[in-house]
């Protein structure tokens, strides 16, 4: 298979595991404390009115993000409940709260992204206005300062939570997810040895999407004018769908041109952020990622065959 005809699959690191989404099903595999692998499977329910929207550029990204957030919340809940239950059974000390786990997972995917994006949109706008508004006039320079504040807050947040052992393991599973996707797209057999040879970075990643929303936001917000601080904040909120829609298309473009020498650098900002949000996984974690991906593929094919059989 060439890059052009390889199916594009998406993944997500969860607590002690990996989630992969196919055309008809989403699968999560997690490593239990007894070393068994547990699965959670959910068929994808297609909402008819969203189907035409997914074909419209700059709109399809917003629809896909909302659907992924809704579906992913169930898989995150599965992994966190399994983790919490096993911790309680083992009599371990109180671990991180469920909210902490969710916020940690949100860094490496789209779960809770809308809330996080809203927060990282409003706060930098306020800080840029109150701290630098007297020295920097409205316009491009002010938006660049605002974008810089967003990046600083984002990096500070990620680097802070990355110090906890649980999030470090989460970032390892994020790396395992990328390795499996890279190995599959390269057409190699998905064995632990083969998969470990591939990079933990991938152009089509949620972390890249996050950084692109910052960069795209600087451009979009520079196209509108405002008179007061609150007008600035309100503009940021109602332009958020525009920023998300454009950022999704940019993400797709960088992935499409990643093998073009002159254009591959367009995706570098996202890859740089992934150097923080991914870690080299161990063989056990790669095994979980492979198991999740293979079961997703098998279930996807089975559901497709059953659908054709029922309509034939």
Protein backbone atom coordinates (compact mmCIF):
# COMPACT_ATOMS: atom_id res chain seq x y z
CA UNK A 1 0.00 0.00 0.00
CA UNK A 2 1.16 3.50 -0.76
CA UNK A 3 0.55 6.49 1.48
CA UNK A 4 -2.26 7.62 -0.80
CA UNK A 5 -4.42 4.50 -0.41
CA UNK A 6 -3.70 3.62 3.22
CA UNK A 7 -6.77 4.18 5.41
CA UNK A 8 -6.36 7.08 7.85
CA UNK A 9 -6.97 5.87 11.38
CA UNK A 10 -6.99 8.00 14.49
CA UNK A 11 -5.94 7.09 17.99
CA UNK A 12 -5.91 8.38 21.53
CA UNK A 13 -3.87 7.50 24.59
CA UNK A 14 -5.95 6.69 27.67
CA UNK A 15 -5.01 5.65 31.19
CA UNK A 16 -2.89 2.51 30.83
CA UNK A 17 -3.99 1.95 27.27
CA UNK A 18 -4.79 3.16 23.78
CA UNK A 19 -7.99 3.87 21.87
CA UNK A 20 -8.27 3.51 18.09
CA UNK A 21 -11.18 4.58 15.93
CA UNK A 22 -12.17 2.84 12.71
CA UNK A 23 -14.90 3.50 10.20
CA UNK A 24 -17.57 1.59 12.12
CA UNK A 25 -16.17 0.92 15.59
CA UNK A 26 -13.96 2.41 18.29
CA UNK A 27 -11.82 0.12 20.46
CA UNK A 28 -9.90 0.76 23.66
CA UNK A 29 -7.36 -1.71 25.05
CA UNK A 30 -5.89 -1.28 28.52
CA UNK A 31 -3.27 -3.17 30.52
CA UNK A 32 -4.65 -4.49 33.81
CA UNK A 33 -2.51 -4.96 36.90
CA UNK A 34 -2.52 -8.75 36.37
CA UNK A 35 -1.00 -8.03 32.92
CA UNK A 36 -4.13 -9.11 31.02
CA UNK A 37 -5.43 -6.82 28.28
CA UNK A 38 -9.04 -5.66 28.63
CA UNK A 39 -11.07 -4.22 25.76
CA UNK A 40 -13.93 -1.78 25.46
CA UNK A 41 -15.76 -1.71 22.13
CA UNK A 42 -18.32 0.76 20.88
CA UNK A 43 -19.89 0.75 17.40
CA UNK A 44 -19.86 4.17 15.78
CA UNK A 45 -23.33 5.57 15.37
CA UNK A 46 -23.70 7.68 12.27
CA UNK A 47 -25.94 10.70 12.59
CA UNK A 48 -27.52 11.27 9.19
CA UNK A 49 -27.64 15.06 9.31
CA UNK A 50 -23.91 15.28 10.03
CA UNK A 51 -22.91 13.22 6.98
CA UNK A 52 -23.15 16.08 4.42
CA UNK A 53 -21.44 18.44 6.87
CA UNK A 54 -18.38 16.17 6.96
CA UNK A 55 -17.83 16.88 3.27
CA UNK A 56 -17.69 20.66 3.69
CA UNK A 57 -14.18 22.09 4.20
CA UNK A 58 -13.76 24.19 7.37
CA UNK A 59 -16.98 22.67 8.77
CA UNK A 60 -16.03 18.99 8.79
CA UNK A 61 -13.31 19.57 11.38
CA UNK A 62 -15.76 21.02 13.90
CA UNK A 63 -18.23 18.17 13.38
CA UNK A 64 -15.50 15.56 13.67
CA UNK A 65 -14.13 17.15 16.83
CA UNK A 66 -17.52 17.15 18.55
CA UNK A 67 -18.19 13.53 17.58
CA UNK A 68 -14.74 12.43 18.71
CA UNK A 69 -15.15 14.20 22.04
CA UNK A 70 -18.52 12.56 22.69
CA UNK A 71 -17.29 9.07 21.77
CA UNK A 72 -13.92 9.44 23.44
CA UNK A 73 -15.48 10.44 26.76
CA UNK A 74 -16.91 6.92 27.12
CA UNK A 75 -13.55 5.31 26.48
CA UNK A 76 -11.81 7.68 28.88
CA UNK A 77 -14.43 6.83 31.49
CA UNK A 78 -13.77 3.10 30.93
CA UNK A 79 -10.02 3.46 31.40
CA UNK A 80 -10.24 5.73 34.44
CA UNK A 81 -12.82 3.52 36.15
CA UNK A 82 -10.69 0.43 35.55
CA UNK A 83 -7.64 2.22 36.88
CA UNK A 84 -9.46 3.53 39.95
CA UNK A 85 -11.10 0.17 40.71
CA UNK A 86 -7.82 -1.73 40.50
CA UNK A 87 -6.10 0.89 42.68
CA UNK A 88 -8.83 0.51 45.31
CA UNK A 89 -8.60 -3.29 45.23
CA UNK A 90 -4.85 -3.12 45.68
CA UNK A 91 -5.33 -0.86 48.69
CA UNK A 92 -3.03 1.77 47.21
CA UNK A 93 -2.91 5.32 48.45
CA UNK A 94 -5.34 7.80 47.03
CA UNK A 95 -4.34 8.50 43.45
CA UNK A 96 -5.10 11.46 41.23
CA UNK A 97 -8.71 12.56 40.92
CA UNK A 98 -10.77 11.65 37.89
CA UNK A 99 -10.72 15.31 36.81
CA UNK A 100 -6.92 15.26 36.91
CA UNK A 101 -6.88 12.13 34.74
CA UNK A 102 -9.27 13.68 32.22
CA UNK A 103 -7.25 16.91 31.98
CA UNK A 104 -4.10 14.88 31.48
CA UNK A 105 -5.62 12.79 28.69
CA UNK A 106 -6.99 15.94 27.04
CA UNK A 107 -3.43 17.01 26.22
CA UNK A 108 -2.85 14.11 23.84
CA UNK A 109 -6.17 14.12 22.04
CA UNK A 110 -9.47 15.91 21.61
CA UNK A 111 -11.14 14.88 24.88
CA UNK A 112 -12.21 17.98 26.82
CA UNK A 113 -10.57 19.98 24.01
CA UNK A 114 -13.44 22.43 23.59
CA UNK A 115 -13.39 23.40 27.26
CA UNK A 116 -9.61 23.64 27.29
CA UNK A 117 -9.54 25.66 24.08
CA UNK A 118 -12.10 28.09 25.48
CA UNK A 119 -10.03 28.51 28.63
CA UNK A 120 -6.76 28.97 26.71
CA UNK A 121 -8.50 31.50 24.46
CA UNK A 122 -10.08 33.77 27.06
CA UNK A 123 -7.26 33.89 29.63
CA UNK A 124 -4.44 34.89 27.17
CA UNK A 125 -6.69 37.55 25.64
CA UNK A 126 -7.27 39.06 29.07
CA UNK A 127 -3.61 38.85 30.03
CA UNK A 128 -2.43 40.38 26.76
CA UNK A 129 -4.88 43.25 27.14
CA UNK A 130 -4.27 44.03 30.80
CA UNK A 131 -0.51 43.48 30.86
CA UNK A 132 0.53 44.86 27.47
CA UNK A 133 -2.46 46.86 26.23
CA UNK A 134 -0.94 50.19 27.24
CA UNK A 135 2.30 49.59 25.31
CA UNK A 136 1.19 47.50 22.31
CA UNK A 137 -1.59 48.85 20.07
CA UNK A 138 -4.39 46.66 18.79
CA UNK A 139 -3.49 44.69 15.72
CA UNK A 140 -1.01 42.09 14.61
CA UNK A 141 1.59 42.76 17.32
CA UNK A 142 -0.99 42.50 20.06
CA UNK A 143 -2.21 39.20 18.61
CA UNK A 144 1.35 37.90 18.41
CA UNK A 145 1.81 38.68 22.10
CA UNK A 146 -1.46 36.93 22.86
CA UNK A 147 -0.34 33.90 20.85
CA UNK A 148 2.96 33.86 22.71
CA UNK A 149 1.14 33.88 26.05
CA UNK A 150 -1.01 30.95 24.87
CA UNK A 151 2.06 28.92 23.97
CA UNK A 152 3.76 29.71 27.28
CA UNK A 153 0.66 28.71 29.28
CA UNK A 154 0.22 25.55 27.21
CA UNK A 155 3.84 24.46 27.65
CA UNK A 156 3.77 25.30 31.37
CA UNK A 157 0.63 23.22 31.81
CA UNK A 158 1.97 20.22 29.89
CA UNK A 159 5.40 20.30 31.53
CA UNK A 160 3.80 20.54 34.98
CA UNK A 161 1.47 17.57 34.64
CA UNK A 162 4.22 15.60 32.84
CA UNK A 163 6.09 15.38 36.15
CA UNK A 164 3.57 12.91 37.58
CA UNK A 165 4.29 9.18 37.02
CA UNK A 166 0.80 8.53 35.67
CA UNK A 167 1.01 11.23 32.97
CA UNK A 168 4.51 10.08 32.04
CA UNK A 169 3.04 6.64 31.32
CA UNK A 170 0.18 8.28 29.44
CA UNK A 171 2.69 10.03 27.20
CA UNK A 172 4.41 6.66 26.63
CA UNK A 173 1.11 5.19 25.46
CA UNK A 174 0.73 8.24 23.22
CA UNK A 175 4.09 7.35 21.69
CA UNK A 176 2.98 3.72 21.30
CA UNK A 177 -0.16 4.85 19.49
CA UNK A 178 1.91 6.87 17.00
CA UNK A 179 4.39 4.05 16.46
CA UNK A 180 1.57 1.66 15.54
CA UNK A 181 0.01 4.13 13.09
CA UNK A 182 3.42 4.85 11.52
CA UNK A 183 4.17 1.13 11.19
CA UNK A 184 0.76 0.41 9.66
CA UNK A 185 1.10 3.26 7.16
CA UNK A 186 4.56 1.94 6.25
CA UNK A 187 3.00 -1.43 5.44
CA UNK A 188 5.05 -3.55 7.87
CA UNK A 189 3.78 -6.42 10.00
CA UNK A 190 2.59 -5.18 13.37
CA UNK A 191 4.93 -6.95 15.75
CA UNK A 192 6.42 -5.33 18.83
CA UNK A 193 9.90 -5.48 17.33
CA UNK A 194 8.81 -3.88 14.05
CA UNK A 195 6.66 -1.19 15.66
CA UNK A 196 9.39 -0.12 18.09
CA UNK A 197 11.56 0.90 15.15
CA UNK A 198 9.18 3.73 14.21
CA UNK A 199 8.93 7.30 15.44
CA UNK A 200 6.71 8.48 18.28
CA UNK A 201 5.83 11.55 16.17
CA UNK A 202 3.04 11.83 13.62
CA UNK A 203 1.82 14.74 11.51
CA UNK A 204 -1.87 13.90 12.07
CA UNK A 205 -1.86 14.28 15.85
CA UNK A 206 -4.11 16.03 18.35
CA UNK A 207 -1.10 17.79 19.85
CA UNK A 208 -0.31 19.27 16.43
CA UNK A 209 -3.92 20.36 16.12
CA UNK A 210 -3.66 22.23 19.43
CA UNK A 211 -0.58 24.20 18.40
CA UNK A 212 -2.10 24.99 15.00
CA UNK A 213 -5.13 26.56 16.70
CA UNK A 214 -2.74 28.99 18.38
CA UNK A 215 -0.92 29.89 15.15
CA UNK A 216 -4.10 30.10 13.06
CA UNK A 217 -5.73 32.18 15.78
CA UNK A 218 -3.07 34.89 15.43
CA UNK A 219 -3.97 35.25 11.74
CA UNK A 220 -7.77 35.05 12.15
CA UNK A 221 -7.92 37.48 15.08
CA UNK A 222 -5.79 39.97 13.15
CA UNK A 223 -8.55 40.26 10.55
CA UNK A 224 -11.03 41.82 12.98
CA UNK A 225 -10.88 45.00 15.00
CA UNK A 226 -12.07 45.68 18.54
CA UNK A 227 -12.39 48.72 20.78
CA UNK A 228 -12.59 47.35 24.32
CA UNK A 229 -11.13 44.46 26.26
CA UNK A 230 -14.46 42.67 26.57
CA UNK A 231 -15.16 43.13 22.87
CA UNK A 232 -11.80 41.42 22.27
CA UNK A 233 -12.74 38.48 24.51
CA UNK A 234 -16.20 38.09 22.92
CA UNK A 235 -14.64 38.15 19.45
CA UNK A 236 -12.24 35.37 20.46
CA UNK A 237 -15.15 33.22 21.60
CA UNK A 238 -17.41 33.58 18.56
CA UNK A 239 -14.45 33.22 16.17
CA UNK A 240 -13.37 30.00 17.90
CA UNK A 241 -15.30 27.76 15.43
CA UNK A 242 -13.52 29.55 12.56
CA UNK A 243 -10.12 28.95 14.16
CA UNK A 244 -10.93 25.28 14.80
CA UNK A 245 -12.24 24.74 11.27
CA UNK A 246 -9.21 26.33 9.61
CA UNK A 247 -6.78 24.55 11.97
CA UNK A 248 -8.27 21.19 11.03
CA UNK A 249 -7.67 21.89 7.34
CA UNK A 250 -4.10 23.01 8.07
CA UNK A 251 -3.52 19.78 9.96
CA UNK A 252 -4.76 17.77 6.97
CA UNK A 253 -2.59 19.77 4.56
CA UNK A 254 0.57 19.23 6.62
CA UNK A 255 -0.13 15.50 6.72
CA UNK A 256 -0.78 15.39 2.98
CA UNK A 257 2.50 17.11 2.17
CA UNK A 258 4.65 15.46 4.84
CA UNK A 259 6.61 13.53 2.21
CA UNK A 260 7.23 16.65 0.10
CA UNK A 261 10.70 17.99 1.02
CA UNK A 262 9.87 21.66 0.43
CA UNK A 263 6.58 21.52 2.38
CA UNK A 264 7.17 19.02 5.18
CA UNK A 265 8.44 21.82 7.46
CA UNK A 266 4.86 23.15 7.70
CA UNK A 267 4.10 20.43 10.22
CA UNK A 268 7.19 21.00 12.36
CA UNK A 269 5.47 23.12 15.07
CA UNK A 270 3.16 20.21 15.85
CA UNK A 271 6.04 17.73 15.84
CA UNK A 272 7.99 19.93 18.24
CA UNK A 273 5.08 19.88 20.71
CA UNK A 274 4.84 16.11 20.36
CA UNK A 275 8.39 15.83 21.63
CA UNK A 276 6.86 16.81 24.97
CA UNK A 277 3.54 14.93 24.76
CA UNK A 278 5.06 11.61 23.64
CA UNK A 279 7.65 9.35 25.25
CA UNK A 280 9.35 6.17 24.10
CA UNK A 281 7.09 3.27 25.17
CA UNK A 282 8.24 -0.07 26.51
CA UNK A 283 7.40 -3.33 24.75
CA UNK A 284 4.42 -4.00 27.02
CA UNK A 285 2.82 -0.69 26.09
CA UNK A 286 3.42 -1.25 22.39
CA UNK A 287 1.78 -4.66 22.76
CA UNK A 288 -1.36 -3.00 24.15
CA UNK A 289 -1.42 -0.48 21.28
CA UNK A 290 -1.06 -3.26 18.70
CA UNK A 291 -3.83 -5.27 20.35
CA UNK A 292 -6.17 -2.28 20.29
CA UNK A 293 -5.40 -1.48 16.64
CA UNK A 294 -5.75 -5.06 15.42
CA UNK A 295 -9.03 -5.63 17.26
CA UNK A 296 -10.35 -2.37 15.84
CA UNK A 297 -9.46 -3.52 12.33
CA UNK A 298 -11.02 -6.95 12.86
CA UNK A 299 -14.23 -5.54 14.34
CA UNK A 300 -14.41 -2.88 11.64
CA UNK A 301 -14.17 -5.49 8.90
CA UNK A 302 -16.73 -7.76 10.59
CA UNK A 303 -19.26 -4.95 11.00
CA UNK A 304 -18.73 -3.92 7.37
CA UNK A 305 -19.31 -7.47 6.14
CA UNK A 306 -22.44 -7.82 8.28
CA UNK A 307 -23.79 -4.55 6.94
CA UNK A 308 -23.29 -5.61 3.34
CA UNK A 309 -24.82 -9.02 4.09
CA UNK A 310 -27.93 -7.45 5.63
CA UNK A 311 -28.43 -5.11 2.67
CA UNK A 312 -27.52 -7.61 -0.02
